Amino acid sequence: MTSQPLKLLTSWWSGAALGLAIVVAVKIWLLWQIPLCVYSEDSGTYFRTVQEVDTNKDFTVSKKRSFAYPMLLISLNKLPVRSTWSILLVQHIASLLTPIAVVALLRRWWPQAGWMGFPAALMAGLSVPMLFYSHYMIADGLYAVVFSLYMLCAWLVLEKPEPLRVSSLFLCCAVAVALRPDGMLLFGAAVILTLAGLAISRPAICWKVWIPAAALPAALCVSFYGKTASSQQGWLFYSTMFPLTVLDSPLHADLKTELRPWVEKALSLSVWDYPEMRHKLQGSLSGANEIDRIGPKWEALVADKENRPMYRVSGELAAEGVKNNPAAAALLAASNVRHVWDGPRKLHGRFSVRSMAADWLEEMDNKPDLIPYWFKSDADYRQIRAWLETQERYTPAREFMKKLEPLTSPRWWSLAGVLMLGGYLALARKDGCRALFFCGMWLGFIYIIYAIGRGIPRYMLPIEMMWPLGLFSLAGAITARFSSAEPKPSRISPEKP
C-alpha cells in the first residue's frame, strides 16, 4: 500500500508544491547570504532613466532598451525600503512562475506521470542562470519568465483557441516587447508559428483566423527589422555576418576599402573558428578597441554618437551579405551558437557578496549623489559598505551553486542535446503539430538571438526551461511506453462541421 508521503510526491501539484517550497527556501537563503543586487554597466543604462525622471522629469529610455524595466525601477524607487532589496524581492518572486509553467506544460503532455511534479519544479526553479539573473538589475530575468508563460499560453491556444487563452498569449507578447526590443521579432514570429499550428489542428477555421491574425506579428517583425538597421543590433548582426561582406559591390565602397583586410582575415578562418575573432572585431567596429582600428572613414561614423550612423551602415552591410549568401549566414549563426555552448558557464563563481557588489562600491564612491536612489540614507549605505568590506570572496552560496550548476543548467551539451531531442521527438510522436511548434520556437530563438545578438550566456535565459521540459518529456514517454495504462486521448477535438 502506498504511503502518504509517497502519494504526495507522486501527485502533480502536491509534488510541485513541495519542490517550489524548497526553491523558495533556497531563494530566501540566497537573499540572506547576498542582500544586494548585481549592478553593472548594463544596469546603468536602465538607471539613467530613473535619474532623468527624478531630476528633469524626462522619461527618456536608452535606444537599446525598452520602457517597462525602467518604469519598474522608478516605481520601486518610490517605496520606503532600500531599492537594492525591493528589486531582488520582485525578481525572485516573479521567477517562481517559470517552474510553475514548466510543471503545467509537463502535466498536459504526460498527465499520468505525476511523479514529475517534484523534480521538474526543482530543476526549473533552481536553474543557476535564473537564480543569478534574478539577483541582477537587468530585464533579462523577467523577460525569461514572460517567455515561459508565453510557451504555456501558446500550448493552451493550440489545445483550444478560447478568447481568454488567445488574449493571454497576446498579453505575453506585449509584455515581452515592453521588456526588450527583440520581443517584437521573437514573439511576433512565435505568434505566426502558433497560428500555423492552430490552422493545422483546426483546418475549418484556417482562412478565418490565419490571414488577419498574422498581420500583427508580421508588422512587428517588419518594425523590428527597421529598428535593427538603425540600432545596436545592426552592429551586432554585422559582427556575426562579417565574413559575408560583399567587397566588390558599390554599397559603401569607400568603407569596404578599409574593411577589406579584416574581411580577408575572417575569410582565412574556418566558419567554426571565426567566433574567436568576432569579439575583437566588435570592439574595433564600435571604436572600443583603441589599438586595432578599422580606418579613418569608419572612425568618423563611430564618432557621431548622436545619430549613430555606424549602426545603420553595419545593418546595411550585414543585410547585403545575408542576401548574397543565405546558406553561409545560417552556418555562421550556427557556429556562434556552438562557440557559446562549448564555452564554460561558471556562473557559480559570481555568487559572492564581494564580486556582486564590486560595481556598486565603485559607482557609489565615484558618484555619492546616487546613494539616495538605492539606499535609505547615507548612514544606511555606510553601514552596508562596512559590512561588505568584511565579506569573503568564497561564500557558502558560491560553493552550493558550484554543485548545483551541472545539474540544473548543464554545459555538457552533447549529452544534454541528445536527451532533450529525444524528449521532443517523443512528444512529436504523441502530439505532432504542437510539438513542432515547440521545437521550432526553441531552435528559432537560438538562431535569431545569436545571428543578431552577441554570444552572451544571459541571452540563453528564455530557453533554460527547455532543458527540464525535454528531459522530463523523454522520461514521460519512457514510463508511458512501459505502463499498462491506456494513453489519454488528445485534448483537441475534431472541428465540427
Protein backbone atom coordinates (compact mmCIF):
# COMPACT_ATOMS: atom_id res chain seq x y z
CA MET A 1 0.00 0.00 0.00
CA THR A 2 1.42 3.40 -0.97
CA SER A 3 2.44 5.55 1.97
CA GLN A 4 1.05 9.05 2.35
CA PRO A 5 4.42 10.86 1.78
CA LEU A 6 4.95 8.86 -1.41
CA LYS A 7 1.45 9.74 -2.61
CA LEU A 8 2.26 13.41 -2.12
CA LEU A 9 5.46 13.09 -4.17
CA THR A 10 3.73 11.23 -6.99
CA SER A 11 0.88 13.74 -7.26
CA TRP A 12 1.40 16.52 -9.79
CA TRP A 13 0.53 19.57 -7.74
CA SER A 14 1.47 18.38 -4.24
CA GLY A 15 4.87 17.27 -5.59
CA ALA A 16 5.28 20.57 -7.44
CA ALA A 17 4.27 22.50 -4.29
CA LEU A 18 6.93 20.69 -2.28
CA GLY A 19 9.52 21.40 -4.97
CA LEU A 20 8.54 25.09 -5.03
CA ALA A 21 8.78 25.23 -1.23
CA ILE A 22 12.40 24.06 -1.47
CA VAL A 23 13.06 26.60 -4.23
CA VAL A 24 11.62 29.39 -2.05
CA ALA A 25 13.79 28.25 0.87
CA VAL A 26 16.90 28.39 -1.33
CA LYS A 27 15.95 31.86 -2.58
CA ILE A 28 15.43 33.14 0.99
CA TRP A 29 18.80 31.72 1.99
CA LEU A 30 20.42 33.33 -1.07
CA LEU A 31 18.85 36.72 -0.24
CA TRP A 32 20.16 36.40 3.31
CA GLN A 33 23.63 35.49 2.04
CA ILE A 34 23.77 38.22 -0.64
CA PRO A 35 21.26 41.01 0.16
CA LEU A 36 22.38 43.25 -2.71
CA CYS A 37 21.52 43.00 -6.39
CA VAL A 38 24.21 42.92 -9.06
CA TYR A 39 24.86 46.29 -10.71
CA SER A 40 26.83 46.66 -13.94
CA GLU A 41 27.27 48.99 -16.89
CA ASP A 42 24.18 47.41 -18.48
CA SER A 43 22.23 48.17 -15.29
CA GLY A 44 23.31 51.79 -15.64
CA THR A 45 21.51 52.11 -18.98
CA TYR A 46 18.25 51.47 -17.11
CA PHE A 47 19.18 53.51 -14.08
CA ARG A 48 19.90 56.67 -16.07
CA THR A 49 16.20 56.79 -16.97
CA VAL A 50 15.33 56.75 -13.25
CA GLN A 51 17.74 59.64 -12.66
CA GLU A 52 16.38 61.65 -15.60
CA VAL A 53 12.81 61.28 -14.37
CA ASP A 54 13.78 62.40 -10.88
CA THR A 55 15.94 65.37 -11.86
CA ASN A 56 14.44 66.59 -15.16
CA LYS A 57 11.01 64.90 -15.23
CA ASP A 58 12.09 63.45 -18.58
CA PHE A 59 11.31 59.78 -19.31
CA THR A 60 14.00 59.05 -21.89
CA VAL A 61 14.97 55.41 -22.44
CA SER A 62 18.26 54.25 -23.94
CA LYS A 63 17.96 53.34 -27.63
CA LYS A 64 18.88 49.73 -26.92
CA ARG A 65 16.34 49.30 -24.08
CA SER A 66 12.57 49.12 -23.68
CA PHE A 67 10.47 51.09 -21.25
CA ALA A 68 8.95 48.52 -18.85
CA TYR A 69 12.02 47.79 -16.72
CA PRO A 70 12.91 51.48 -16.14
CA MET A 71 9.28 52.02 -15.13
CA LEU A 72 9.58 49.18 -12.62
CA LEU A 73 12.76 50.70 -11.17
CA ILE A 74 11.07 54.12 -10.88
CA SER A 75 8.13 52.55 -9.00
CA LEU A 76 10.38 50.59 -6.63
CA ASN A 77 12.48 53.69 -6.03
CA LYS A 78 9.42 55.40 -4.52
CA LEU A 79 8.94 52.72 -1.86
CA PRO A 80 10.17 53.43 1.70
CA VAL A 81 12.59 50.48 1.60
CA ARG A 82 16.05 50.01 0.20
CA SER A 83 15.69 49.74 -3.61
CA THR A 84 18.53 47.25 -3.90
CA TRP A 85 16.41 44.92 -1.75
CA SER A 86 12.99 45.53 -3.33
CA ILE A 87 14.39 44.78 -6.81
CA LEU A 88 15.67 41.42 -5.60
CA LEU A 89 12.36 40.58 -3.98
CA VAL A 90 10.26 41.38 -7.07
CA GLN A 91 12.52 39.47 -9.46
CA HIS A 92 12.89 36.37 -7.30
CA ILE A 93 9.14 36.16 -6.70
CA ALA A 94 8.42 36.59 -10.41
CA SER A 95 10.93 33.85 -11.30
CA LEU A 96 8.75 31.30 -9.45
CA LEU A 97 6.37 31.49 -12.40
CA THR A 98 8.87 29.64 -14.61
CA PRO A 99 8.83 26.31 -12.69
CA ILE A 100 5.04 26.62 -12.44
CA ALA A 101 4.82 26.98 -16.24
CA VAL A 102 7.17 24.01 -16.73
CA VAL A 103 5.13 21.77 -14.43
CA ALA A 104 1.85 22.90 -16.06
CA LEU A 105 3.18 22.00 -19.52
CA LEU A 106 4.52 18.62 -18.47
CA ARG A 107 1.21 17.81 -16.78
CA ARG A 108 -0.66 18.49 -20.01
CA TRP A 109 1.76 16.35 -22.00
CA TRP A 110 2.02 13.38 -19.62
CA PRO A 111 -0.99 13.61 -17.26
CA GLN A 112 -0.42 10.17 -15.71
CA ALA A 113 3.24 10.79 -14.75
CA GLY A 114 2.53 12.68 -11.53
CA TRP A 115 5.97 11.82 -10.15
CA MET A 116 7.44 14.52 -12.46
CA GLY A 117 5.98 17.42 -10.49
CA PHE A 118 8.57 17.42 -7.71
CA PRO A 119 11.84 17.03 -9.70
CA ALA A 120 10.64 19.27 -12.57
CA ALA A 121 9.77 22.12 -10.19
CA LEU A 122 13.16 21.71 -8.50
CA MET A 123 15.17 21.65 -11.73
CA ALA A 124 13.37 24.62 -13.29
CA GLY A 125 13.28 26.65 -10.05
CA LEU A 126 16.92 26.05 -9.12
CA SER A 127 18.36 26.88 -12.53
CA VAL A 128 21.59 28.66 -11.63
CA PRO A 129 21.37 31.19 -14.51
CA MET A 130 17.81 32.08 -13.46
CA LEU A 131 18.87 32.43 -9.82
CA PHE A 132 21.77 34.67 -10.81
CA TYR A 133 19.84 36.94 -13.17
CA SER A 134 17.02 37.23 -10.65
CA HIS A 135 19.74 38.79 -8.50
CA TYR A 136 20.79 41.18 -11.30
CA MET A 137 19.43 44.67 -12.02
CA ILE A 138 18.62 43.87 -15.63
CA ALA A 139 15.48 42.98 -17.60
CA ASP A 140 16.67 39.59 -18.87
CA GLY A 141 15.43 37.59 -15.88
CA LEU A 142 11.89 38.96 -16.14
CA TYR A 143 11.97 38.52 -19.91
CA ALA A 144 12.75 34.82 -19.44
CA VAL A 145 9.79 34.49 -17.07
CA VAL A 146 7.47 36.06 -19.65
CA PHE A 147 8.87 33.70 -22.27
CA SER A 148 7.98 30.66 -20.13
CA LEU A 149 4.44 31.98 -19.62
CA TYR A 150 4.19 32.60 -23.34
CA MET A 151 5.11 28.99 -24.10
CA LEU A 152 2.41 27.79 -21.72
CA CYS A 153 -0.21 30.12 -23.24
CA ALA A 154 0.77 29.06 -26.75
CA TRP A 155 0.19 25.41 -25.91
CA LEU A 156 -3.18 26.23 -24.38
CA VAL A 157 -4.15 28.11 -27.54
CA LEU A 158 -3.13 25.11 -29.63
CA GLU A 159 -5.33 22.88 -27.49
CA LYS A 160 -8.39 25.11 -27.60
CA PRO A 161 -8.38 28.66 -29.04
CA GLU A 162 -10.66 30.24 -26.47
CA PRO A 163 -10.71 34.06 -26.25
CA LEU A 164 -9.14 34.12 -22.77
CA ARG A 165 -6.25 31.93 -23.88
CA VAL A 166 -5.62 33.94 -27.03
CA SER A 167 -5.79 37.19 -25.04
CA SER A 168 -3.26 35.82 -22.54
CA LEU A 169 -0.93 34.89 -25.39
CA PHE A 170 -1.03 38.39 -26.87
CA LEU A 171 -0.59 39.89 -23.39
CA CYS A 172 2.65 37.94 -23.05
CA CYS A 173 3.74 39.30 -26.43
CA ALA A 174 3.03 42.87 -25.30
CA VAL A 175 4.94 42.46 -22.03
CA ALA A 176 7.89 40.93 -23.88
CA VAL A 177 8.09 43.90 -26.25
CA ALA A 178 7.90 46.24 -23.25
CA LEU A 179 10.82 44.45 -21.58
CA ARG A 180 13.17 44.01 -24.54
CA PRO A 181 13.15 45.35 -28.12
CA ASP A 182 13.76 41.90 -29.60
CA GLY A 183 10.40 40.83 -28.18
CA MET A 184 8.88 42.31 -31.35
CA LEU A 185 10.61 39.79 -33.56
CA LEU A 186 10.77 36.73 -31.33
CA PHE A 187 7.24 36.90 -30.05
CA GLY A 188 5.82 38.06 -33.36
CA ALA A 189 7.38 35.04 -35.05
CA ALA A 190 6.08 32.83 -32.25
CA VAL A 191 2.52 34.03 -32.83
CA ILE A 192 2.82 33.14 -36.50
CA LEU A 193 4.00 29.65 -35.56
CA THR A 194 1.18 29.29 -33.06
CA LEU A 195 -1.44 30.31 -35.62
CA ALA A 196 0.10 27.92 -38.13
CA GLY A 197 -0.30 25.08 -35.64
CA LEU A 198 -3.83 26.23 -34.93
CA ALA A 199 -4.65 26.18 -38.62
CA ILE A 200 -3.30 22.63 -38.93
CA SER A 201 -5.26 21.33 -35.95
CA ARG A 202 -8.47 23.17 -36.91
CA PRO A 203 -8.46 23.44 -40.71
CA ALA A 204 -12.09 24.60 -40.82
CA ILE A 205 -11.11 27.95 -39.30
CA CYS A 206 -7.76 28.26 -41.08
CA TRP A 207 -8.67 31.04 -43.50
CA LYS A 208 -10.91 32.81 -40.99
CA VAL A 209 -8.09 33.20 -38.47
CA TRP A 210 -4.75 32.86 -40.22
CA ILE A 211 -4.62 35.81 -42.62
CA PRO A 212 -6.00 38.59 -40.37
CA ALA A 213 -4.23 37.33 -37.23
CA ALA A 214 -0.85 37.07 -38.97
CA ALA A 215 -0.93 40.77 -39.86
CA LEU A 216 0.05 41.96 -36.35
CA PRO A 217 3.13 39.75 -35.83
CA ALA A 218 4.20 40.39 -39.43
CA ALA A 219 4.03 44.14 -38.75
CA LEU A 220 6.04 43.64 -35.56
CA CYS A 221 8.72 41.73 -37.46
CA VAL A 222 9.00 44.49 -40.08
CA SER A 223 9.15 47.09 -37.32
CA PHE A 224 11.91 45.21 -35.54
CA TYR A 225 13.90 44.85 -38.77
CA GLY A 226 13.70 48.61 -39.24
CA LYS A 227 14.87 49.18 -35.68
CA THR A 228 17.70 46.65 -36.13
CA ALA A 229 19.06 48.53 -39.12
CA SER A 230 19.48 51.75 -37.12
CA SER A 231 20.27 50.47 -33.63
CA GLN A 232 22.87 48.41 -31.79
CA GLN A 233 21.51 45.20 -33.30
CA GLY A 234 22.77 46.28 -36.73
CA TRP A 235 26.34 46.40 -35.43
CA LEU A 236 25.98 43.10 -33.56
CA PHE A 237 24.40 41.38 -36.56
CA TYR A 238 27.20 42.60 -38.80
CA SER A 239 29.88 41.29 -36.45
CA THR A 240 28.35 37.81 -36.83
CA MET A 241 27.91 38.04 -40.61
CA PHE A 242 31.15 39.98 -41.21
CA PRO A 243 32.86 37.30 -43.39
CA LEU A 244 29.94 37.66 -45.84
CA THR A 245 30.79 41.31 -46.62
CA VAL A 246 30.44 41.78 -50.41
CA LEU A 247 33.66 43.68 -51.11
CA ASP A 248 33.07 44.29 -54.82
CA SER A 249 29.59 45.88 -54.63
CA PRO A 250 29.07 49.68 -54.82
CA LEU A 251 27.31 49.79 -51.40
CA HIS A 252 29.58 51.82 -49.08
CA ALA A 253 32.55 51.07 -51.36
CA ASP A 254 34.77 53.66 -49.63
CA LEU A 255 34.27 51.96 -46.27
CA LYS A 256 34.84 48.50 -47.74
CA THR A 257 38.34 49.58 -48.74
CA GLU A 258 39.15 49.95 -45.02
CA LEU A 259 37.25 46.79 -44.11
CA ARG A 260 38.94 44.60 -46.75
CA PRO A 261 41.96 43.46 -44.65
CA TRP A 262 39.64 42.46 -41.82
CA VAL A 263 37.28 40.61 -44.17
CA GLU A 264 40.19 38.75 -45.79
CA LYS A 265 41.44 37.72 -42.34
CA ALA A 266 37.98 36.49 -41.39
CA LEU A 267 37.71 34.51 -44.64
CA SER A 268 41.05 32.83 -43.91
CA LEU A 269 39.47 31.20 -40.83
CA SER A 270 37.12 28.26 -40.89
CA VAL A 271 33.47 29.01 -40.13
CA TRP A 272 33.89 27.26 -36.74
CA ASP A 273 36.98 29.33 -35.81
CA TYR A 274 35.58 32.74 -36.77
CA PRO A 275 33.69 33.30 -33.45
CA GLU A 276 37.08 33.58 -31.73
CA MET A 277 37.80 36.64 -33.88
CA ARG A 278 34.34 38.10 -33.51
CA HIS A 279 34.75 39.56 -30.02
CA LYS A 280 37.86 41.52 -31.01
CA LEU A 281 36.15 42.65 -34.22
CA GLN A 282 33.15 44.00 -32.29
CA GLY A 283 35.48 46.27 -30.31
CA SER A 284 37.16 47.51 -33.48
CA LEU A 285 33.85 48.20 -35.26
CA SER A 286 32.46 50.11 -32.26
CA GLY A 287 35.69 52.03 -31.55
CA ALA A 288 36.11 50.41 -28.13
CA ASN A 289 39.34 48.73 -29.25
CA GLU A 290 41.78 51.63 -29.39
CA ILE A 291 44.68 49.52 -30.68
CA ASP A 292 43.16 47.78 -33.71
CA ARG A 293 41.10 50.37 -35.55
CA ILE A 294 39.32 49.93 -38.87
CA GLY A 295 40.28 53.21 -40.55
CA PRO A 296 39.61 56.99 -40.52
CA LYS A 297 36.35 56.84 -42.51
CA TRP A 298 34.90 54.16 -40.28
CA GLU A 299 36.08 56.07 -37.20
CA ALA A 300 34.16 59.10 -38.45
CA LEU A 301 30.98 57.01 -38.37
CA VAL A 302 31.75 55.85 -34.83
CA ALA A 303 32.47 59.41 -33.68
CA ASP A 304 28.90 60.57 -34.44
CA LYS A 305 27.36 59.49 -31.11
CA GLU A 306 24.12 61.39 -31.65
CA ASN A 307 22.92 59.86 -34.93
CA ARG A 308 24.87 56.58 -34.68
CA PRO A 309 25.37 56.10 -38.47
CA MET A 310 27.70 53.17 -37.75
CA TYR A 311 24.70 51.08 -36.62
CA ARG A 312 22.78 51.84 -39.80
CA VAL A 313 25.75 51.17 -42.11
CA SER A 314 26.55 47.91 -40.28
CA GLY A 315 22.96 46.75 -40.67
CA GLU A 316 23.01 47.51 -44.40
CA LEU A 317 26.31 45.66 -44.94
CA ALA A 318 25.04 42.66 -42.96
CA ALA A 319 21.76 42.55 -44.93
CA GLU A 320 23.66 42.67 -48.23
CA GLY A 321 25.89 39.79 -47.16
CA VAL A 322 22.99 37.61 -45.99
CA LYS A 323 21.03 38.18 -49.22
CA ASN A 324 24.12 37.28 -51.22
CA ASN A 325 24.79 34.02 -49.35
CA PRO A 326 21.92 32.93 -47.06
CA ALA A 327 23.28 29.38 -46.58
CA ALA A 328 26.59 30.70 -45.25
CA ALA A 329 24.67 33.09 -42.97
CA ALA A 330 22.83 30.17 -41.38
CA LEU A 331 26.13 28.35 -40.88
CA LEU A 332 27.79 31.38 -39.28
CA ALA A 333 24.94 31.73 -36.79
CA ALA A 334 25.20 28.01 -36.00
CA SER A 335 28.95 28.33 -35.40
CA ASN A 336 28.30 31.18 -32.99
CA VAL A 337 25.78 29.06 -31.06
CA ARG A 338 28.30 26.23 -30.87
CA HIS A 339 31.02 28.61 -29.67
CA VAL A 340 28.84 29.86 -26.81
CA TRP A 341 27.57 26.42 -25.84
CA ASP A 342 31.05 24.89 -25.84
CA GLY A 343 32.32 27.62 -23.55
CA PRO A 344 32.24 27.24 -19.76
CA ARG A 345 29.25 28.77 -17.99
CA LYS A 346 30.79 29.10 -14.49
CA LEU A 347 28.16 31.49 -13.16
CA HIS A 348 28.65 29.97 -9.72
CA GLY A 349 31.90 31.92 -9.41
CA ARG A 350 29.93 35.18 -9.28
CA PHE A 351 27.81 34.13 -6.30
CA SER A 352 29.70 36.08 -3.67
CA VAL A 353 28.95 39.38 -1.96
CA ARG A 354 32.27 40.94 -2.93
CA SER A 355 32.01 40.14 -6.65
CA MET A 356 28.33 41.04 -6.87
CA ALA A 357 28.80 44.34 -5.02
CA ALA A 358 32.07 45.46 -6.66
CA ASP A 359 30.38 47.75 -9.19
CA TRP A 360 28.07 49.17 -6.52
CA LEU A 361 31.04 50.27 -4.40
CA GLU A 362 32.82 51.87 -7.34
CA GLU A 363 29.66 53.63 -8.59
CA MET A 364 28.62 54.99 -5.19
CA ASP A 365 32.15 56.08 -4.26
CA ASN A 366 32.57 57.97 -7.54
CA LYS A 367 29.04 59.41 -7.59
CA PRO A 368 27.82 59.88 -3.99
CA ASP A 369 24.77 61.82 -5.26
CA LEU A 370 23.36 58.47 -6.45
CA ILE A 371 23.26 56.97 -2.95
CA PRO A 372 19.73 58.25 -2.11
CA TYR A 373 18.32 56.44 -5.14
CA TRP A 374 19.27 52.99 -3.90
CA PHE A 375 19.77 53.29 -0.14
CA LYS A 376 17.52 54.75 2.55
CA SER A 377 20.19 57.22 3.69
CA ASP A 378 23.93 57.90 3.71
CA ALA A 379 24.14 56.14 7.07
CA ASP A 380 22.39 53.10 5.59
CA TYR A 381 24.90 52.99 2.72
CA ARG A 382 27.88 53.37 5.05
CA GLN A 383 26.56 50.50 7.16
CA ILE A 384 26.16 48.29 4.09
CA ARG A 385 29.59 49.28 2.83
CA ALA A 386 31.27 48.45 6.13
CA TRP A 387 29.56 45.07 6.12
CA LEU A 388 30.67 44.38 2.53
CA GLU A 389 34.29 45.02 3.44
CA THR A 390 34.14 42.16 5.96
CA GLN A 391 32.81 39.59 3.50
CA GLU A 392 34.94 36.87 1.96
CA ARG A 393 35.03 36.21 -1.75
CA TYR A 394 34.33 32.49 -1.27
CA THR A 395 30.90 32.16 0.31
CA PRO A 396 28.62 29.19 1.09
CA ALA A 397 26.34 30.38 -1.74
CA ARG A 398 29.18 30.11 -4.23
CA GLU A 399 30.06 26.56 -3.19
CA PHE A 400 26.39 25.50 -3.26
CA MET A 401 25.89 26.93 -6.76
CA LYS A 402 29.06 25.20 -7.96
CA LYS A 403 27.49 21.83 -7.10
CA LEU A 404 24.05 22.81 -8.38
CA GLU A 405 25.07 24.25 -11.75
CA PRO A 406 25.88 20.98 -13.61
CA LEU A 407 22.53 19.50 -12.55
CA THR A 408 20.09 22.30 -13.38
CA SER A 409 21.91 24.13 -16.19
CA PRO A 410 24.31 21.73 -17.90
CA ARG A 411 27.07 22.71 -20.26
CA TRP A 412 27.74 19.11 -21.36
CA TRP A 413 25.55 19.95 -24.33
CA SER A 414 26.35 16.88 -26.41
CA LEU A 415 24.55 14.58 -23.94
CA ALA A 416 22.00 17.21 -22.90
CA GLY A 417 21.15 17.85 -26.54
CA VAL A 418 20.56 14.15 -27.22
CA LEU A 419 18.32 13.81 -24.17
CA MET A 420 16.31 16.94 -24.99
CA LEU A 421 15.95 15.96 -28.63
CA GLY A 422 14.74 12.52 -27.57
CA GLY A 423 12.11 14.12 -25.37
CA TYR A 424 10.84 16.41 -28.10
CA LEU A 425 10.78 13.59 -30.66
CA ALA A 426 8.71 11.53 -28.22
CA LEU A 427 6.38 14.49 -27.80
CA ALA A 428 6.17 14.96 -31.57
CA ARG A 429 5.08 11.34 -31.97
CA LYS A 430 2.33 11.94 -29.40
CA ASP A 431 1.26 15.49 -30.35
CA GLY A 432 2.69 16.17 -33.79
CA CYS A 433 1.85 19.72 -34.86
CA ARG A 434 2.01 21.18 -31.35
CA ALA A 435 5.40 19.62 -30.62
CA LEU A 436 6.64 21.02 -33.93
CA PHE A 437 5.76 24.47 -32.64
CA PHE A 438 7.84 23.97 -29.52
CA CYS A 439 10.88 22.60 -31.34
CA GLY A 440 10.61 25.34 -33.95
CA MET A 441 10.30 28.07 -31.34
CA TRP A 442 13.27 26.74 -29.39
CA LEU A 443 15.58 26.37 -32.40
CA GLY A 444 14.32 29.62 -33.94
CA PHE A 445 15.03 31.55 -30.77
CA ILE A 446 18.60 30.22 -30.59
CA TYR A 447 19.28 31.06 -34.25
CA ILE A 448 17.81 34.56 -34.19
CA ILE A 449 19.35 35.71 -30.94
CA TYR A 450 22.83 34.55 -31.93
CA ALA A 451 22.56 35.77 -35.50
CA ILE A 452 21.65 39.26 -34.27
CA GLY A 453 22.99 39.35 -30.72
CA ARG A 454 26.30 38.73 -29.05
CA GLY A 455 27.49 35.44 -27.63
CA ILE A 456 26.45 36.29 -24.07
CA PRO A 457 25.12 33.45 -21.86
CA ARG A 458 22.24 35.52 -20.49
CA TYR A 459 20.70 35.57 -23.96
CA MET A 460 20.05 31.85 -23.42
CA LEU A 461 17.86 32.53 -20.37
CA PRO A 462 14.47 32.25 -22.14
CA ILE A 463 15.25 28.70 -23.27
CA GLU A 464 16.68 27.44 -19.96
CA MET A 465 13.21 25.99 -19.33
CA MET A 466 13.61 23.82 -22.43
CA TRP A 467 16.12 21.61 -20.61
CA PRO A 468 13.73 20.25 -17.93
CA LEU A 469 10.90 20.14 -20.48
CA GLY A 470 12.87 17.97 -22.90
CA LEU A 471 14.39 15.75 -20.22
CA PHE A 472 11.11 15.01 -18.45
CA SER A 473 9.26 14.65 -21.72
CA LEU A 474 11.66 11.83 -22.58
CA ALA A 475 11.11 10.31 -19.13
CA GLY A 476 7.33 10.61 -19.59
CA ALA A 477 7.49 8.83 -22.95
CA ILE A 478 9.56 6.00 -21.47
CA THR A 479 7.25 5.49 -18.49
CA ALA A 480 4.18 5.66 -20.75
CA ARG A 481 5.72 3.06 -23.05
CA PHE A 482 6.11 0.54 -20.24
CA SER A 483 2.90 1.46 -18.44
CA SER A 484 -0.15 -0.74 -18.74
CA ALA A 485 -2.46 2.27 -18.66
CA GLU A 486 -4.19 3.30 -21.83
CA PRO A 487 -2.90 6.54 -23.40
CA LYS A 488 -5.09 9.56 -22.78
CA PRO A 489 -6.85 10.80 -25.94
CA SER A 490 -5.85 14.15 -27.45
CA ARG A 491 -7.49 17.25 -26.00
CA ILE A 492 -8.06 18.72 -29.44
CA SER A 493 -11.46 17.60 -30.60
CA PRO A 494 -12.16 17.42 -34.33
CA GLU A 495 -13.73 20.52 -35.77
CA LYS A 496 -17.49 20.25 -36.03
CA PRO A 497 -18.93 20.89 -39.50
